[in-house]
Every structure is written in structure tokens, then in C-alpha cells.
Amino acid sequence: MDGIEPMHINLRKPHKEEGNITVMTVGFLMVLGLVVVVVVNASAVFLEHRKLANLADAIALAAADVVDETYYQAHLNLDQLTIDRDAALNEAQTRVDADTRMTFDVVGNEVLVRLERPVALWIVPGWSAHTQVVAEARAQLTVIEPA
């Protein structure tokens, strides 16, 4: 037995790795599902915000075009031209849906519009089904005299 080394035999059973792929696949699908929910809901909010911002811009620009004609005819001064607040507000209210809350203010020759609307999220796994979207716009009445 001088030159012979003893033989080591590994009697351990190999690890069974059955089921590990299933756990990884389920985890991956959960992460993928969460990403889909976030992207779909973010898209819904973004699209609604764009619509609301366009509406706020349109209201502000239209309101800035409503000149207080009685003031203008009485003074005939283009430097102090003002916006007819009541006419501009009536025009703005015709453009706003019933579910949209509007804050409308006229300060001198400037119109400030703030719109707020609830947005329904498309995929709602345990979250609130609605969120609020806000858009603001500002327009100013300016007179450019011909040269």
C-alpha cells in the first residue's frame, strides 16, 4: 500500500434543480406584468394631459381675443386695451366638459386658465381607478400697430 492512494468516492446525490426555471419564469412574468401596467397607465395619463393642455391653450387664446369693446370705444387708447372678462368666461365655459374643473382669471390684458380633470386608469391592479390631471395656460392680449 505504499504507492497506492486511497480512492475517494462521492456518495452524495446530485442536487435536483427541477422547478427552479418555473420560479424564475413566474418572477419574470410578474415583473413584465408590472412594467406593462405602469406603461399603459402612464400612457393614459400622458394622452389625457396633452388633450387638457391643448384645451387650456385654446381657451386662453380665445379669451385673449375678447376685447372689452365699450372700454375701447370710450377711451380709444390701445395702450390700455383690456379683456372683457365676462364674455371671455362665457366663451371658455362653452368649451369645457362637465367633468373638468376650470379656474379662470383675467388680470388686465392677461388670461390665466387652469383645468383639472379626473383620468380613469386602464389597468388597475389594486390601485385607485382615477387620478387627477392638471393643465395651465396663459395668454396675453397685445396690440401691434401697423407700421
N, C-alpha and C. Protein backbone atom coordinates (compact mmCIF):
# COMPACT_ATOMS: atom_id res chain seq x y z
N MET A 1 0.80 -1.17 0.00
CA MET A 1 0.00 0.00 0.00
C MET A 1 0.85 1.24 0.00
N ASP A 2 2.10 1.09 -0.23
CA ASP A 2 2.95 2.27 -0.22
C ASP A 2 2.63 3.21 -1.38
N GLY A 3 2.53 2.82 -2.56
CA GLY A 3 2.35 3.70 -3.71
C GLY A 3 0.91 3.86 -4.15
N ILE A 4 0.02 3.29 -3.45
CA ILE A 4 -1.37 3.35 -3.89
C ILE A 4 -2.11 4.34 -2.97
N GLU A 5 -2.74 5.27 -3.62
CA GLU A 5 -3.53 6.25 -2.86
C GLU A 5 -4.95 5.73 -2.73
N PRO A 6 -5.56 6.02 -1.62
CA PRO A 6 -6.95 5.57 -1.45
C PRO A 6 -7.88 6.34 -2.40
N MET A 7 -8.88 5.70 -2.86
CA MET A 7 -9.84 6.28 -3.77
C MET A 7 -10.99 6.90 -2.97
N HIS A 8 -11.33 8.15 -3.33
CA HIS A 8 -12.46 8.81 -2.67
C HIS A 8 -13.67 8.70 -3.58
N ILE A 9 -14.69 8.23 -3.03
CA ILE A 9 -15.91 8.08 -3.81
C ILE A 9 -16.93 9.09 -3.27
N ASN A 10 -17.51 9.89 -4.16
CA ASN A 10 -18.53 10.88 -3.80
C ASN A 10 -19.87 10.17 -3.80
N LEU A 11 -20.41 9.99 -2.61
CA LEU A 11 -21.67 9.27 -2.49
C LEU A 11 -22.87 10.22 -2.41
N ARG A 12 -22.61 11.52 -2.53
CA ARG A 12 -23.72 12.49 -2.48
C ARG A 12 -24.55 12.40 -3.74
N LYS A 13 -25.84 12.62 -3.56
CA LYS A 13 -26.72 12.64 -4.72
C LYS A 13 -26.64 14.02 -5.35
N PRO A 14 -26.69 14.13 -6.66
CA PRO A 14 -26.69 15.46 -7.30
C PRO A 14 -27.97 16.22 -6.92
N HIS A 15 -27.82 17.57 -6.83
CA HIS A 15 -28.98 18.41 -6.49
C HIS A 15 -30.01 18.32 -7.59
N LYS A 16 -31.22 18.23 -7.16
CA LYS A 16 -32.30 18.26 -8.13
C LYS A 16 -32.64 19.73 -8.38
N GLU A 17 -32.59 20.16 -9.61
CA GLU A 17 -32.89 21.54 -9.97
C GLU A 17 -34.22 21.66 -10.67
N GLU A 18 -35.04 20.70 -10.50
CA GLU A 18 -36.36 20.75 -11.10
C GLU A 18 -37.17 21.83 -10.38
N GLY A 19 -37.89 22.68 -11.15
CA GLY A 19 -38.73 23.71 -10.55
C GLY A 19 -38.07 25.06 -10.46
N ASN A 20 -36.74 25.17 -10.55
CA ASN A 20 -36.08 26.47 -10.47
C ASN A 20 -36.44 27.35 -11.66
N ILE A 21 -36.57 26.77 -12.82
CA ILE A 21 -36.94 27.53 -14.00
C ILE A 21 -38.36 28.07 -13.85
N THR A 22 -39.23 27.30 -13.24
CA THR A 22 -40.60 27.74 -13.03
C THR A 22 -40.64 28.97 -12.14
N VAL A 23 -39.88 28.97 -11.06
CA VAL A 23 -39.84 30.12 -10.15
C VAL A 23 -39.29 31.34 -10.87
N MET A 24 -38.24 31.17 -11.64
CA MET A 24 -37.66 32.29 -12.38
C MET A 24 -38.64 32.81 -13.43
N THR A 25 -39.35 31.92 -14.10
CA THR A 25 -40.32 32.33 -15.12
C THR A 25 -41.47 33.10 -14.49
N VAL A 26 -41.98 32.64 -13.38
CA VAL A 26 -43.06 33.33 -12.70
C VAL A 26 -42.59 34.72 -12.25
N GLY A 27 -41.41 34.80 -11.70
CA GLY A 27 -40.87 36.10 -11.28
C GLY A 27 -40.70 37.05 -12.45
N PHE A 28 -40.18 36.54 -13.56
CA PHE A 28 -40.02 37.37 -14.76
C PHE A 28 -41.36 37.85 -15.28
N LEU A 29 -42.36 36.98 -15.31
CA LEU A 29 -43.68 37.37 -15.79
C LEU A 29 -44.34 38.40 -14.87
N MET A 30 -44.08 38.31 -13.57
CA MET A 30 -44.62 39.31 -12.64
C MET A 30 -43.99 40.68 -12.89
N VAL A 31 -42.69 40.70 -13.08
CA VAL A 31 -42.00 41.97 -13.37
C VAL A 31 -42.48 42.52 -14.71
N LEU A 32 -42.61 41.67 -15.71
CA LEU A 32 -43.10 42.10 -17.02
C LEU A 32 -44.52 42.65 -16.92
N GLY A 33 -45.37 41.99 -16.16
CA GLY A 33 -46.74 42.47 -15.96
C GLY A 33 -46.77 43.83 -15.29
N LEU A 34 -45.92 44.03 -14.29
CA LEU A 34 -45.85 45.31 -13.61
C LEU A 34 -45.40 46.41 -14.56
N VAL A 35 -44.42 46.12 -15.40
CA VAL A 35 -43.95 47.10 -16.39
C VAL A 35 -45.09 47.46 -17.36
N VAL A 36 -45.84 46.47 -17.80
CA VAL A 36 -46.96 46.73 -18.72
C VAL A 36 -48.00 47.62 -18.05
N VAL A 37 -48.34 47.35 -16.79
CA VAL A 37 -49.32 48.17 -16.07
C VAL A 37 -48.84 49.61 -15.97
N VAL A 38 -47.59 49.82 -15.60
CA VAL A 38 -47.05 51.17 -15.45
C VAL A 38 -47.05 51.89 -16.79
N VAL A 39 -46.61 51.23 -17.85
CA VAL A 39 -46.55 51.88 -19.18
C VAL A 39 -47.94 52.22 -19.69
N VAL A 40 -48.88 51.31 -19.54
CA VAL A 40 -50.25 51.56 -20.04
C VAL A 40 -50.89 52.71 -19.27
N ASN A 41 -50.78 52.71 -17.95
CA ASN A 41 -51.38 53.79 -17.16
C ASN A 41 -50.68 55.12 -17.39
N ALA A 42 -49.37 55.11 -17.51
CA ALA A 42 -48.64 56.35 -17.80
C ALA A 42 -49.04 56.90 -19.16
N SER A 43 -49.26 56.03 -20.12
CA SER A 43 -49.70 56.48 -21.45
C SER A 43 -51.08 57.12 -21.37
N ALA A 44 -51.98 56.53 -20.61
CA ALA A 44 -53.33 57.09 -20.47
C ALA A 44 -53.27 58.48 -19.85
N VAL A 45 -52.46 58.64 -18.82
CA VAL A 45 -52.34 59.94 -18.16
C VAL A 45 -51.68 60.95 -19.09
N PHE A 46 -50.64 60.55 -19.81
CA PHE A 46 -49.96 61.45 -20.73
C PHE A 46 -50.90 61.94 -21.83
N LEU A 47 -51.65 61.02 -22.43
CA LEU A 47 -52.56 61.41 -23.51
C LEU A 47 -53.65 62.35 -23.02
N GLU A 48 -54.18 62.10 -21.84
CA GLU A 48 -55.20 62.98 -21.28
C GLU A 48 -54.62 64.34 -20.93
N HIS A 49 -53.39 64.36 -20.45
CA HIS A 49 -52.74 65.64 -20.14
C HIS A 49 -52.54 66.46 -21.41
N ARG A 50 -52.15 65.81 -22.51
CA ARG A 50 -51.98 66.54 -23.78
C ARG A 50 -53.30 67.15 -24.23
N LYS A 51 -54.39 66.38 -24.13
CA LYS A 51 -55.71 66.91 -24.51
C LYS A 51 -56.09 68.11 -23.65
N LEU A 52 -55.86 67.98 -22.35
CA LEU A 52 -56.22 69.05 -21.43
C LEU A 52 -55.35 70.29 -21.66
N ALA A 53 -54.08 70.09 -21.93
CA ALA A 53 -53.18 71.23 -22.20
C ALA A 53 -53.59 71.94 -23.50
N ASN A 54 -53.96 71.18 -24.52
CA ASN A 54 -54.42 71.80 -25.77
C ASN A 54 -55.71 72.59 -25.55
N LEU A 55 -56.62 72.04 -24.75
CA LEU A 55 -57.86 72.74 -24.44
C LEU A 55 -57.58 74.02 -23.65
N ALA A 56 -56.70 73.95 -22.68
CA ALA A 56 -56.36 75.15 -21.89
C ALA A 56 -55.72 76.21 -22.78
N ASP A 57 -54.85 75.82 -23.69
CA ASP A 57 -54.26 76.79 -24.63
C ASP A 57 -55.32 77.43 -25.52
N ALA A 58 -56.23 76.61 -26.03
CA ALA A 58 -57.27 77.14 -26.91
C ALA A 58 -58.17 78.12 -26.16
N ILE A 59 -58.53 77.78 -24.91
CA ILE A 59 -59.38 78.67 -24.12
C ILE A 59 -58.66 79.99 -23.84
N ALA A 60 -57.40 79.91 -23.44
CA ALA A 60 -56.64 81.13 -23.12
C ALA A 60 -56.48 82.02 -24.35
N LEU A 61 -56.17 81.42 -25.49
CA LEU A 61 -56.00 82.22 -26.71
C LEU A 61 -57.31 82.85 -27.16
N ALA A 62 -58.39 82.09 -27.09
CA ALA A 62 -59.70 82.64 -27.47
C ALA A 62 -60.12 83.75 -26.52
N ALA A 63 -59.86 83.57 -25.23
CA ALA A 63 -60.24 84.59 -24.25
C ALA A 63 -59.41 85.86 -24.42
N ALA A 64 -58.17 85.71 -24.82
CA ALA A 64 -57.33 86.90 -25.02
C ALA A 64 -57.79 87.72 -26.22
N ASP A 65 -58.58 87.12 -27.09
CA ASP A 65 -59.08 87.85 -28.26
C ASP A 65 -60.38 88.61 -27.98
N VAL A 66 -60.96 88.40 -26.82
CA VAL A 66 -62.23 89.06 -26.50
C VAL A 66 -61.92 90.42 -25.88
N VAL A 67 -62.03 91.45 -26.68
CA VAL A 67 -61.68 92.81 -26.25
C VAL A 67 -62.92 93.45 -25.61
N ASP A 68 -62.68 94.20 -24.56
CA ASP A 68 -63.75 94.98 -23.94
C ASP A 68 -64.03 96.17 -24.86
N GLU A 69 -65.01 95.99 -25.75
CA GLU A 69 -65.26 96.98 -26.79
C GLU A 69 -65.77 98.30 -26.23
N THR A 70 -66.58 98.26 -25.18
CA THR A 70 -67.10 99.52 -24.63
C THR A 70 -65.98 100.36 -24.04
N TYR A 71 -65.04 99.71 -23.37
CA TYR A 71 -63.90 100.45 -22.82
C TYR A 71 -63.06 101.02 -23.96
N TYR A 72 -62.84 100.22 -24.97
CA TYR A 72 -62.02 100.66 -26.10
C TYR A 72 -62.67 101.84 -26.82
N GLN A 73 -63.97 101.77 -27.06
CA GLN A 73 -64.65 102.86 -27.77
C GLN A 73 -64.70 104.12 -26.92
N ALA A 74 -64.75 103.97 -25.61
CA ALA A 74 -64.81 105.15 -24.75
C ALA A 74 -63.45 105.84 -24.65
N HIS A 75 -62.35 105.07 -24.70
CA HIS A 75 -61.03 105.65 -24.49
C HIS A 75 -60.19 105.74 -25.76
N LEU A 76 -60.43 104.85 -26.70
CA LEU A 76 -59.65 104.78 -27.93
C LEU A 76 -58.15 104.80 -27.67
N ASN A 77 -57.75 104.10 -26.64
CA ASN A 77 -56.35 104.05 -26.27
C ASN A 77 -55.88 102.59 -26.35
N LEU A 78 -55.01 102.31 -27.29
CA LEU A 78 -54.55 100.94 -27.47
C LEU A 78 -53.62 100.48 -26.36
N ASP A 79 -53.01 101.40 -25.63
CA ASP A 79 -52.10 101.01 -24.56
C ASP A 79 -52.83 100.39 -23.37
N GLN A 80 -54.10 100.76 -23.20
CA GLN A 80 -54.85 100.27 -22.05
C GLN A 80 -56.00 99.36 -22.47
N LEU A 81 -55.83 98.66 -23.53
CA LEU A 81 -56.85 97.74 -24.02
C LEU A 81 -57.00 96.58 -23.04
N THR A 82 -58.24 96.29 -22.66
CA THR A 82 -58.48 95.24 -21.67
C THR A 82 -59.34 94.13 -22.28
N ILE A 83 -59.39 93.02 -21.56
CA ILE A 83 -60.16 91.86 -21.98
C ILE A 83 -61.51 91.91 -21.28
N ASP A 84 -62.56 91.62 -22.01
CA ASP A 84 -63.90 91.55 -21.44
C ASP A 84 -64.00 90.23 -20.69
N ARG A 85 -63.89 90.30 -19.36
CA ARG A 85 -63.83 89.08 -18.54
C ARG A 85 -65.08 88.23 -18.66
N ASP A 86 -66.24 88.84 -18.61
CA ASP A 86 -67.49 88.07 -18.66
C ASP A 86 -67.66 87.37 -20.00
N ALA A 87 -67.40 88.06 -21.08
CA ALA A 87 -67.52 87.44 -22.41
C ALA A 87 -66.49 86.32 -22.58
N ALA A 88 -65.29 86.55 -22.09
CA ALA A 88 -64.24 85.53 -22.19
C ALA A 88 -64.59 84.31 -21.35
N LEU A 89 -65.14 84.53 -20.16
CA LEU A 89 -65.53 83.42 -19.29
C LEU A 89 -66.67 82.61 -19.92
N ASN A 90 -67.65 83.30 -20.49
CA ASN A 90 -68.75 82.60 -21.17
C ASN A 90 -68.22 81.75 -22.32
N GLU A 91 -67.30 82.30 -23.09
CA GLU A 91 -66.70 81.56 -24.21
C GLU A 91 -65.93 80.34 -23.68
N ALA A 92 -65.22 80.51 -22.60
CA ALA A 92 -64.43 79.41 -22.03
C ALA A 92 -65.34 78.30 -21.51
N GLN A 93 -66.43 78.67 -20.86
CA GLN A 93 -67.33 77.67 -20.28
C GLN A 93 -68.00 76.81 -21.34
N THR A 94 -68.17 77.34 -22.54
CA THR A 94 -68.78 76.53 -23.61
C THR A 94 -67.83 75.44 -24.09
N ARG A 95 -66.55 75.59 -23.86
CA ARG A 95 -65.56 74.63 -24.34
C ARG A 95 -65.22 73.53 -23.33
N VAL A 96 -65.61 73.72 -22.08
CA VAL A 96 -65.19 72.81 -21.01
C VAL A 96 -66.28 71.76 -20.76
N ASP A 97 -65.86 70.51 -20.62
CA ASP A 97 -66.78 69.41 -20.31
C ASP A 97 -67.24 69.51 -18.85
N ALA A 98 -68.29 68.78 -18.55
CA ALA A 98 -68.86 68.82 -17.19
C ALA A 98 -67.91 68.23 -16.15
N ASP A 99 -67.05 67.29 -16.54
CA ASP A 99 -66.15 66.66 -15.57
C ASP A 99 -64.85 67.42 -15.37
N THR A 100 -64.71 68.56 -16.03
CA THR A 100 -63.49 69.35 -15.93
C THR A 100 -63.74 70.57 -15.05
N ARG A 101 -62.86 70.76 -14.07
CA ARG A 101 -62.94 71.93 -13.21
C ARG A 101 -62.04 73.01 -13.77
N MET A 102 -62.58 74.22 -13.92
CA MET A 102 -61.81 75.31 -14.52
C MET A 102 -61.66 76.46 -13.54
N THR A 103 -60.44 76.98 -13.48
CA THR A 103 -60.17 78.23 -12.78
C THR A 103 -59.79 79.23 -13.86
N PHE A 104 -60.50 80.33 -13.90
CA PHE A 104 -60.34 81.30 -14.98
C PHE A 104 -60.16 82.67 -14.36
N ASP A 105 -59.13 83.38 -14.77
CA ASP A 105 -58.88 84.70 -14.21
C ASP A 105 -58.34 85.62 -15.29
N VAL A 106 -58.80 86.84 -15.26
CA VAL A 106 -58.32 87.87 -16.18
C VAL A 106 -57.69 88.96 -15.33
N VAL A 107 -56.43 89.24 -15.60
CA VAL A 107 -55.72 90.30 -14.89
C VAL A 107 -55.21 91.27 -15.94
N GLY A 108 -55.91 92.40 -16.06
CA GLY A 108 -55.52 93.39 -17.06
C GLY A 108 -55.67 92.85 -18.47
N ASN A 109 -54.55 92.67 -19.14
CA ASN A 109 -54.59 92.16 -20.51
C ASN A 109 -54.08 90.72 -20.59
N GLU A 110 -54.16 90.00 -19.47
CA GLU A 110 -53.65 88.63 -19.44
C GLU A 110 -54.74 87.68 -18.92
N VAL A 111 -54.82 86.51 -19.55
CA VAL A 111 -55.78 85.48 -19.18
C VAL A 111 -55.03 84.30 -18.58
N LEU A 112 -55.49 83.82 -17.44
CA LEU A 112 -54.91 82.65 -16.79
C LEU A 112 -55.98 81.56 -16.72
N VAL A 113 -55.67 80.38 -17.25
CA VAL A 113 -56.62 79.27 -17.27
C VAL A 113 -55.95 78.06 -16.62
N ARG A 114 -56.68 77.41 -15.71
CA ARG A 114 -56.22 76.17 -15.09
C ARG A 114 -57.35 75.16 -15.19
N LEU A 115 -57.06 74.02 -15.79
CA LEU A 115 -58.06 72.96 -15.95
C LEU A 115 -57.61 71.73 -15.17
N GLU A 116 -58.58 71.07 -14.54
CA GLU A 116 -58.30 69.86 -13.77
C GLU A 116 -59.39 68.84 -14.09
N ARG A 117 -58.96 67.61 -14.39
CA ARG A 117 -59.90 66.57 -14.80
C ARG A 117 -59.45 65.23 -14.25
N PRO A 118 -60.40 64.39 -13.81
CA PRO A 118 -60.03 63.03 -13.40
C PRO A 118 -59.78 62.16 -14.63
N VAL A 119 -58.83 61.26 -14.50
CA VAL A 119 -58.49 60.34 -15.58
C VAL A 119 -58.67 58.92 -15.06
N ALA A 120 -59.38 58.12 -15.83
CA ALA A 120 -59.56 56.71 -15.47
C ALA A 120 -58.36 55.93 -15.98
N LEU A 121 -57.72 55.21 -15.08
CA LEU A 121 -56.58 54.37 -15.47
C LEU A 121 -57.09 53.11 -16.13
N TRP A 122 -56.39 52.63 -17.13
CA TRP A 122 -56.86 51.49 -17.93
C TRP A 122 -56.69 50.17 -17.18
N ILE A 123 -55.58 49.98 -16.54
CA ILE A 123 -55.33 48.74 -15.80
C ILE A 123 -55.11 49.11 -14.34
N VAL A 124 -55.95 48.57 -13.46
CA VAL A 124 -55.92 48.98 -12.06
C VAL A 124 -55.82 47.76 -11.15
N PRO A 125 -54.62 47.22 -10.94
CA PRO A 125 -54.50 46.08 -10.03
C PRO A 125 -54.33 46.53 -8.58
N GLY A 126 -55.44 46.85 -7.92
CA GLY A 126 -55.39 47.21 -6.51
C GLY A 126 -55.09 48.67 -6.25
N TRP A 127 -55.04 49.51 -7.27
CA TRP A 127 -54.81 50.94 -7.08
C TRP A 127 -56.10 51.69 -7.26
N SER A 128 -56.05 52.98 -7.01
CA SER A 128 -57.20 53.83 -7.28
C SER A 128 -57.45 53.86 -8.78
N ALA A 129 -58.70 53.83 -9.16
CA ALA A 129 -59.04 53.77 -10.58
C ALA A 129 -58.92 55.12 -11.27
N HIS A 130 -58.80 56.20 -10.51
CA HIS A 130 -58.72 57.54 -11.11
C HIS A 130 -57.53 58.30 -10.54
N THR A 131 -57.06 59.24 -11.33
CA THR A 131 -56.06 60.19 -10.88
C THR A 131 -56.43 61.54 -11.48
N GLN A 132 -55.83 62.60 -10.99
CA GLN A 132 -56.14 63.94 -11.48
C GLN A 132 -55.05 64.42 -12.42
N VAL A 133 -55.46 65.07 -13.50
CA VAL A 133 -54.53 65.69 -14.44
C VAL A 133 -54.82 67.18 -14.45
N VAL A 134 -53.76 67.98 -14.42
CA VAL A 134 -53.89 69.43 -14.38
C VAL A 134 -53.11 70.04 -15.53
N ALA A 135 -53.71 71.06 -16.16
CA ALA A 135 -53.02 71.80 -17.21
C ALA A 135 -53.30 73.29 -17.00
N GLU A 136 -52.29 74.08 -17.25
CA GLU A 136 -52.42 75.53 -17.11
C GLU A 136 -51.98 76.21 -18.39
N ALA A 137 -52.61 77.35 -18.69
CA ALA A 137 -52.23 78.13 -19.86
C ALA A 137 -52.40 79.61 -19.53
N ARG A 138 -51.64 80.40 -20.24
CA ARG A 138 -51.65 81.84 -20.04
C ARG A 138 -51.54 82.49 -21.41
N ALA A 139 -52.35 83.50 -21.64
CA ALA A 139 -52.29 84.25 -22.90
C ALA A 139 -52.42 85.74 -22.59
N GLN A 140 -51.83 86.52 -23.46
CA GLN A 140 -51.82 87.96 -23.23
C GLN A 140 -52.34 88.67 -24.47
N LEU A 141 -53.16 89.68 -24.25
CA LEU A 141 -53.68 90.50 -25.33
C LEU A 141 -52.64 91.57 -25.64
N THR A 142 -52.13 91.54 -26.83
CA THR A 142 -51.19 92.58 -27.26
C THR A 142 -51.66 93.18 -28.57
N VAL A 143 -51.42 94.43 -28.73
CA VAL A 143 -51.83 95.14 -29.94
C VAL A 143 -50.57 95.53 -30.70
N ILE A 144 -50.53 95.15 -31.94
CA ILE A 144 -49.40 95.53 -32.80
C ILE A 144 -49.94 96.52 -33.83
N GLU A 145 -49.49 97.73 -33.75
CA GLU A 145 -49.97 98.75 -34.68
C GLU A 145 -49.22 98.63 -35.99
N PRO A 146 -49.93 98.83 -37.09
CA PRO A 146 -49.26 98.74 -38.40
C PRO A 146 -48.21 99.85 -38.54
N ALA A 147 -47.16 99.53 -39.24
CA ALA A 147 -46.06 100.49 -39.39
C ALA A 147 -46.37 101.57 -40.39
